Amino acid sequence: MKCKASIKANPAKGDKIVRRRGRLYVINKKDPNRKQRQKGPALKK
């Protein structure tokens, strides 16, 4: 999974931006290799 400061999603290729636990993710059902994550706040224990 690519971890970037700024993520770019291309809806034409099936990318979707999802926010989970304060982080931004790009998920793609058609091409799972296109996963990305934007660095967010660290999880507190």
N, C-alpha and C. Protein backbone atom coordinates (compact mmCIF):
# COMPACT_ATOMS: atom_id res chain seq x y z
N MET A 1 0.84 -1.18 0.00
CA MET A 1 0.00 0.00 0.00
C MET A 1 0.88 1.24 0.00
N LYS A 2 0.55 2.19 -0.86
CA LYS A 2 1.32 3.42 -0.95
C LYS A 2 0.89 4.37 0.17
N CYS A 3 1.83 4.96 0.86
CA CYS A 3 1.53 5.91 1.92
C CYS A 3 2.05 7.28 1.48
N LYS A 4 1.14 8.21 1.25
CA LYS A 4 1.51 9.51 0.69
C LYS A 4 1.01 10.65 1.57
N ALA A 5 1.64 11.82 1.38
CA ALA A 5 1.18 13.02 2.08
C ALA A 5 -0.12 13.52 1.45
N SER A 6 -0.25 13.38 0.12
CA SER A 6 -1.50 13.77 -0.53
C SER A 6 -1.86 12.67 -1.52
N ILE A 7 -3.07 12.16 -1.42
CA ILE A 7 -3.49 11.06 -2.27
C ILE A 7 -4.32 11.59 -3.42
N LYS A 8 -4.21 10.95 -4.55
CA LYS A 8 -5.00 11.31 -5.72
C LYS A 8 -5.82 10.09 -6.11
N ALA A 9 -7.10 10.31 -6.35
CA ALA A 9 -7.98 9.22 -6.75
C ALA A 9 -8.52 9.50 -8.14
N ASN A 10 -8.57 8.46 -8.95
CA ASN A 10 -9.09 8.58 -10.31
C ASN A 10 -10.37 7.74 -10.41
N PRO A 11 -11.55 8.36 -10.29
CA PRO A 11 -12.80 7.60 -10.33
C PRO A 11 -12.99 6.84 -11.64
N ALA A 12 -12.38 7.31 -12.72
CA ALA A 12 -12.52 6.62 -13.99
C ALA A 12 -11.90 5.22 -13.93
N LYS A 13 -10.92 5.04 -13.08
CA LYS A 13 -10.28 3.74 -12.93
C LYS A 13 -10.86 2.95 -11.76
N GLY A 14 -11.90 3.48 -11.12
CA GLY A 14 -12.60 2.76 -10.06
C GLY A 14 -12.15 3.09 -8.66
N ASP A 15 -11.38 4.17 -8.48
CA ASP A 15 -10.92 4.53 -7.14
C ASP A 15 -12.03 5.17 -6.33
N LYS A 16 -12.02 4.89 -5.03
CA LYS A 16 -12.96 5.53 -4.11
C LYS A 16 -12.19 6.01 -2.90
N ILE A 17 -12.50 7.24 -2.44
CA ILE A 17 -11.86 7.78 -1.25
C ILE A 17 -12.74 7.44 -0.05
N VAL A 18 -12.13 6.86 0.98
CA VAL A 18 -12.85 6.45 2.18
C VAL A 18 -12.09 6.99 3.38
N ARG A 19 -12.83 7.51 4.37
CA ARG A 19 -12.21 8.00 5.60
C ARG A 19 -12.47 6.98 6.70
N ARG A 20 -11.39 6.43 7.25
CA ARG A 20 -11.51 5.44 8.34
C ARG A 20 -10.50 5.79 9.43
N ARG A 21 -11.00 5.87 10.66
CA ARG A 21 -10.15 6.13 11.83
C ARG A 21 -9.26 7.37 11.65
N GLY A 22 -9.82 8.41 11.01
CA GLY A 22 -9.08 9.66 10.85
C GLY A 22 -8.09 9.67 9.71
N ARG A 23 -7.99 8.58 8.96
CA ARG A 23 -7.07 8.51 7.83
C ARG A 23 -7.87 8.46 6.54
N LEU A 24 -7.25 8.93 5.47
CA LEU A 24 -7.87 8.86 4.14
C LEU A 24 -7.29 7.68 3.39
N TYR A 25 -8.15 6.86 2.83
CA TYR A 25 -7.73 5.70 2.05
C TYR A 25 -8.32 5.80 0.66
N VAL A 26 -7.58 5.28 -0.33
CA VAL A 26 -8.12 5.08 -1.67
C VAL A 26 -8.23 3.58 -1.84
N ILE A 27 -9.45 3.09 -2.11
CA ILE A 27 -9.65 1.66 -2.32
C ILE A 27 -10.17 1.47 -3.74
N ASN A 28 -9.85 0.31 -4.29
CA ASN A 28 -10.26 0.02 -5.66
C ASN A 28 -10.57 -1.47 -5.76
N LYS A 29 -11.83 -1.79 -6.04
CA LYS A 29 -12.26 -3.19 -6.15
C LYS A 29 -11.77 -3.82 -7.46
N LYS A 30 -11.70 -3.00 -8.53
CA LYS A 30 -11.28 -3.54 -9.84
C LYS A 30 -9.79 -3.86 -9.86
N ASP A 31 -8.99 -2.94 -9.29
CA ASP A 31 -7.53 -3.09 -9.32
C ASP A 31 -6.98 -2.89 -7.90
N PRO A 32 -6.90 -3.95 -7.10
CA PRO A 32 -6.49 -3.81 -5.69
C PRO A 32 -5.07 -3.25 -5.51
N ASN A 33 -4.24 -3.25 -6.55
CA ASN A 33 -2.89 -2.70 -6.42
C ASN A 33 -2.89 -1.18 -6.36
N ARG A 34 -4.02 -0.54 -6.60
CA ARG A 34 -4.10 0.92 -6.57
C ARG A 34 -4.42 1.47 -5.18
N LYS A 35 -4.30 0.64 -4.14
CA LYS A 35 -4.59 1.10 -2.78
C LYS A 35 -3.61 2.20 -2.37
N GLN A 36 -4.12 3.22 -1.65
CA GLN A 36 -3.28 4.28 -1.11
C GLN A 36 -3.79 4.65 0.27
N ARG A 37 -2.88 5.23 1.06
CA ARG A 37 -3.27 5.72 2.38
C ARG A 37 -2.59 7.05 2.60
N GLN A 38 -3.34 8.01 3.15
CA GLN A 38 -2.74 9.28 3.52
C GLN A 38 -2.43 9.24 5.00
N LYS A 39 -1.22 9.70 5.35
CA LYS A 39 -0.84 9.67 6.75
C LYS A 39 -1.79 10.54 7.56
N GLY A 40 -2.23 10.01 8.69
CA GLY A 40 -3.13 10.74 9.56
C GLY A 40 -2.62 10.68 10.98
N PRO A 41 -3.44 11.04 11.94
CA PRO A 41 -3.00 10.99 13.33
C PRO A 41 -2.74 9.55 13.76
N ALA A 42 -1.73 9.38 14.58
CA ALA A 42 -1.39 8.04 15.08
C ALA A 42 -2.50 7.55 16.01
N LEU A 43 -2.74 6.25 15.99
CA LEU A 43 -3.76 5.67 16.87
C LEU A 43 -3.27 5.68 18.32
N LYS A 44 -4.14 6.12 19.21
CA LYS A 44 -3.78 6.15 20.64
C LYS A 44 -4.17 4.84 21.28
N LYS A 45 -3.32 4.39 22.19
CA LYS A 45 -3.60 3.12 22.88
C LYS A 45 -4.39 3.35 24.14
